[in-house]
Amino acid sequence: QVQLVESGGGSVQAGGSLRLSCAVSGYTVSSRCMGWFRQAPGKEREGVASISNFGTTDYADSVKGRFTISQDNAKNTLYLQMNSLKPEDTAMYYCGAASSDASYSAFYCRTRAIFAYGGQGTQVTVSS
């Protein structure tokens, strides 16, 4: 059974940093494409970062250069390091995973595949 449990959200001022973690159970973190997506009130869900099962990554233009996705196979955990946070990054952040170990590009992973499974989310609030 796939289970994704996020942690690490919080409230920070603009320019600050946070690191989100996603503890994965039910499969090996590197065996399928995974990523992070976010949703703010009144806005559409947005895939912000992904890592394919080949290890390639993809980022939304809005976070490129500021966010970094990574995974720790020993801990079976996915991370999202968020630096230079902006008020527009405020949202609920979810860890997402593909429904199987099929191979996808990191772009397809971020924009489609990671919405198959999601955790309960962790809130990120950035104040100006």
C-alpha atoms as a PDB file:
ATOM      1  CA  GLN A   1       0.000   0.000   0.000  1.00  0.00           C
ATOM      2  CA  VAL A   2       1.432   3.340  -1.055  1.00  0.00           C
ATOM      3  CA  GLN A   3       1.696   5.907   1.692  1.00  0.00           C
ATOM      4  CA  LEU A   4       3.224   9.370   1.444  1.00  0.00           C
ATOM      5  CA  VAL A   5       3.672  11.484   4.552  1.00  0.00           C
ATOM      6  CA  GLU A   6       4.843  15.066   4.185  1.00  0.00           C
ATOM      7  CA  SER A   7       6.474  17.252   6.815  1.00  0.00           C
ATOM      8  CA  GLY A   8       8.553  20.390   7.082  1.00  0.00           C
ATOM      9  CA  GLY A   9       6.118  23.114   6.163  1.00  0.00           C
ATOM     10  CA  GLY A  10       5.768  26.296   8.165  1.00  0.00           C
ATOM     11  CA  SER A  11       5.707  30.069   8.108  1.00  0.00           C
ATOM     12  CA  VAL A  12       8.701  32.058   6.933  1.00  0.00           C
ATOM     13  CA  GLN A  13       9.452  35.542   5.746  1.00  0.00           C
ATOM     14  CA  ALA A  14      10.212  36.280   2.121  1.00  0.00           C
ATOM     15  CA  GLY A  15      13.744  35.267   1.286  1.00  0.00           C
ATOM     16  CA  GLY A  16      13.744  32.449   3.792  1.00  0.00           C
ATOM     17  CA  SER A  17      14.144  28.712   3.284  1.00  0.00           C
ATOM     18  CA  LEU A  18      12.306  25.523   4.125  1.00  0.00           C
ATOM     19  CA  ARG A  19      12.946  21.866   3.437  1.00  0.00           C
ATOM     20  CA  LEU A  20      10.002  19.593   2.908  1.00  0.00           C
ATOM     21  CA  SER A  21      10.259  15.859   3.452  1.00  0.00           C
ATOM     22  CA  CYS A  22       8.090  13.029   2.204  1.00  0.00           C
ATOM     23  CA  ALA A  23       8.420   9.654   3.888  1.00  0.00           C
ATOM     24  CA  VAL A  24       7.508   6.925   1.421  1.00  0.00           C
ATOM     25  CA  SER A  25       6.201   3.473   2.202  1.00  0.00           C
ATOM     26  CA  GLY A  26       4.882   0.732  -0.030  1.00  0.00           C
ATOM     27  CA  TYR A  27       7.627   0.974  -2.655  1.00  0.00           C
ATOM     28  CA  THR A  28      11.220   2.172  -3.118  1.00  0.00           C
ATOM     29  CA  VAL A  29      11.415   5.910  -3.622  1.00  0.00           C
ATOM     30  CA  SER A  30      13.653   5.655  -6.685  1.00  0.00           C
ATOM     31  CA  SER A  31      11.517   3.066  -8.450  1.00  0.00           C
ATOM     32  CA  ARG A  32       8.892   5.451  -9.805  1.00  0.00           C
ATOM     33  CA  CYS A  33       8.619   9.070 -10.744  1.00  0.00           C
ATOM     34  CA  MET A  34       7.830  11.335  -7.842  1.00  0.00           C
ATOM     35  CA  GLY A  35       7.502  15.004  -7.191  1.00  0.00           C
ATOM     36  CA  TRP A  36       5.896  17.867  -5.388  1.00  0.00           C
ATOM     37  CA  PHE A  37       2.831  19.817  -6.318  1.00  0.00           C
ATOM     38  CA  ARG A  38       1.085  22.688  -4.632  1.00  0.00           C
ATOM     39  CA  GLN A  39      -2.298  24.271  -4.481  1.00  0.00           C
ATOM     40  CA  ALA A  40      -3.203  27.687  -3.201  1.00  0.00           C
ATOM     41  CA  PRO A  41      -6.779  28.763  -2.467  1.00  0.00           C
ATOM     42  CA  GLY A  42      -8.569  29.681  -5.652  1.00  0.00           C
ATOM     43  CA  LYS A  43      -5.724  28.503  -7.855  1.00  0.00           C
ATOM     44  CA  GLU A  44      -5.132  25.427  -9.948  1.00  0.00           C
ATOM     45  CA  ARG A  45      -2.944  22.608  -8.755  1.00  0.00           C
ATOM     46  CA  GLU A  46       0.641  23.064  -9.989  1.00  0.00           C
ATOM     47  CA  GLY A  47       3.425  20.521 -10.262  1.00  0.00           C
ATOM     48  CA  VAL A  48       6.530  22.330  -9.024  1.00  0.00           C
ATOM     49  CA  ALA A  49       9.271  19.696  -9.142  1.00  0.00           C
ATOM     50  CA  SER A  50       9.768  16.109 -10.162  1.00  0.00           C
ATOM     51  CA  ILE A  51      12.362  13.379 -10.313  1.00  0.00           C
ATOM     52  CA  SER A  52      11.992  10.539 -12.761  1.00  0.00           C
ATOM     53  CA  ASN A  53      12.970   6.966 -12.058  1.00  0.00           C
ATOM     54  CA  PHE A  54      16.044   7.700 -14.155  1.00  0.00           C
ATOM     55  CA  GLY A  55      17.006  10.442 -11.719  1.00  0.00           C
ATOM     56  CA  THR A  56      16.352  13.347 -14.069  1.00  0.00           C
ATOM     57  CA  THR A  57      14.584  16.382 -12.652  1.00  0.00           C
ATOM     58  CA  ASP A  58      12.179  19.015 -13.878  1.00  0.00           C
ATOM     59  CA  TYR A  59      10.956  22.249 -12.346  1.00  0.00           C
ATOM     60  CA  ALA A  60       8.198  24.714 -12.961  1.00  0.00           C
ATOM     61  CA  ASP A  61       9.521  27.993 -14.326  1.00  0.00           C
ATOM     62  CA  SER A  62       8.229  29.768 -11.238  1.00  0.00           C
ATOM     63  CA  VAL A  63      10.621  27.858  -8.956  1.00  0.00           C
ATOM     64  CA  LYS A  64      13.655  27.175 -11.158  1.00  0.00           C
ATOM     65  CA  GLY A  65      16.865  28.185  -9.479  1.00  0.00           C
ATOM     66  CA  ARG A  66      15.204  28.361  -6.071  1.00  0.00           C
ATOM     67  CA  PHE A  67      13.840  24.862  -5.389  1.00  0.00           C
ATOM     68  CA  THR A  68      15.765  21.589  -5.483  1.00  0.00           C
ATOM     69  CA  ILE A  69      14.242  18.122  -5.409  1.00  0.00           C
ATOM     70  CA  SER A  70      16.212  15.164  -4.129  1.00  0.00           C
ATOM     71  CA  GLN A  71      15.749  11.713  -2.707  1.00  0.00           C
ATOM     72  CA  ASP A  72      17.467   9.556  -0.127  1.00  0.00           C
ATOM     73  CA  ASN A  73      17.160   5.878  -0.976  1.00  0.00           C
ATOM     74  CA  ALA A  74      18.471   4.741   2.390  1.00  0.00           C
ATOM     75  CA  LYS A  75      15.718   6.692   4.168  1.00  0.00           C
ATOM     76  CA  ASN A  76      13.183   6.124   1.392  1.00  0.00           C
ATOM     77  CA  THR A  77      12.411   9.829   1.535  1.00  0.00           C
ATOM     78  CA  LEU A  78      11.829  12.570  -1.007  1.00  0.00           C
ATOM     79  CA  TYR A  79      12.843  16.158  -0.290  1.00  0.00           C
ATOM     80  CA  LEU A  80      12.166  19.620  -1.594  1.00  0.00           C
ATOM     81  CA  GLN A  81      14.651  22.311  -0.610  1.00  0.00           C
ATOM     82  CA  MET A  82      13.038  25.702  -1.060  1.00  0.00           C
ATOM     83  CA  ASN A  83      15.219  28.800  -0.982  1.00  0.00           C
ATOM     84  CA  SER A  84      14.527  32.467  -1.641  1.00  0.00           C
ATOM     85  CA  LEU A  85      10.885  31.924  -0.859  1.00  0.00           C
ATOM     86  CA  LYS A  86       8.353  34.445  -2.132  1.00  0.00           C
ATOM     87  CA  PRO A  87       4.837  35.253  -0.921  1.00  0.00           C
ATOM     88  CA  GLU A  88       3.496  33.682  -4.117  1.00  0.00           C
ATOM     89  CA  ASP A  89       4.955  30.352  -2.997  1.00  0.00           C
ATOM     90  CA  THR A  90       2.337  30.228  -0.248  1.00  0.00           C
ATOM     91  CA  ALA A  91       0.279  27.074  -0.731  1.00  0.00           C
ATOM     92  CA  MET A  92      -0.403  23.590   0.522  1.00  0.00           C
ATOM     93  CA  TYR A  93       2.410  21.387  -0.728  1.00  0.00           C
ATOM     94  CA  TYR A  94       1.850  17.747  -1.550  1.00  0.00           C
ATOM     95  CA  CYS A  95       4.199  14.905  -2.259  1.00  0.00           C
ATOM     96  CA  GLY A  96       3.037  13.016  -5.319  1.00  0.00           C
ATOM     97  CA  ALA A  97       3.875   9.767  -7.040  1.00  0.00           C
ATOM     98  CA  ALA A  98       3.088   7.924 -10.230  1.00  0.00           C
ATOM     99  CA  SER A  99       0.727   4.965 -10.046  1.00  0.00           C
ATOM    100  CA  SER A 100       3.381   2.486 -11.187  1.00  0.00           C
ATOM    101  CA  ASP A 101       7.075   2.114 -11.990  1.00  0.00           C
ATOM    102  CA  ALA A 102       6.519   2.967 -15.646  1.00  0.00           C
ATOM    103  CA  SER A 103       9.192   5.224 -17.103  1.00  0.00           C
ATOM    104  CA  TYR A 104       8.250   8.817 -17.779  1.00  0.00           C
ATOM    105  CA  SER A 105      10.185  11.916 -18.650  1.00  0.00           C
ATOM    106  CA  ALA A 106      10.665  14.247 -15.746  1.00  0.00           C
ATOM    107  CA  PHE A 107       8.455  16.796 -17.509  1.00  0.00           C
ATOM    108  CA  TYR A 108       5.572  14.336 -17.901  1.00  0.00           C
ATOM    109  CA  CYS A 109       6.171  13.212 -14.347  1.00  0.00           C
ATOM    110  CA  ARG A 110       5.772  16.757 -13.025  1.00  0.00           C
ATOM    111  CA  THR A 111       2.825  17.769 -15.172  1.00  0.00           C
ATOM    112  CA  ARG A 112       0.820  14.515 -15.158  1.00  0.00           C
ATOM    113  CA  ALA A 113       2.102  11.424 -13.425  1.00  0.00           C
ATOM    114  CA  ILE A 114       2.692  12.646  -9.877  1.00  0.00           C
ATOM    115  CA  PHE A 115      -0.980  13.397  -9.323  1.00  0.00           C
ATOM    116  CA  ALA A 116      -1.828   9.694  -9.102  1.00  0.00           C
ATOM    117  CA  TYR A 117      -0.938   9.527  -5.427  1.00  0.00           C
ATOM    118  CA  GLY A 118      -0.676  12.302  -2.891  1.00  0.00           C
ATOM    119  CA  GLY A 119      -0.081  12.747   0.787  1.00  0.00           C
ATOM    120  CA  GLN A 120      -2.046  14.850   3.234  1.00  0.00           C
ATOM    121  CA  GLY A 121      -0.039  17.964   2.439  1.00  0.00           C
ATOM    122  CA  THR A 122       2.005  20.432   4.432  1.00  0.00           C
ATOM    123  CA  GLN A 123       1.271  24.145   4.537  1.00  0.00           C
ATOM    124  CA  VAL A 124       3.881  26.684   3.466  1.00  0.00           C
ATOM    125  CA  THR A 125       3.182  30.337   4.224  1.00  0.00           C
ATOM    126  CA  VAL A 126       5.553  33.076   3.113  1.00  0.00           C
ATOM    127  CA  SER A 127       5.014  36.590   4.420  1.00  0.00           C
ATOM    128  CA  SER A 128       6.347  39.759   2.833  1.00  0.00           C
END
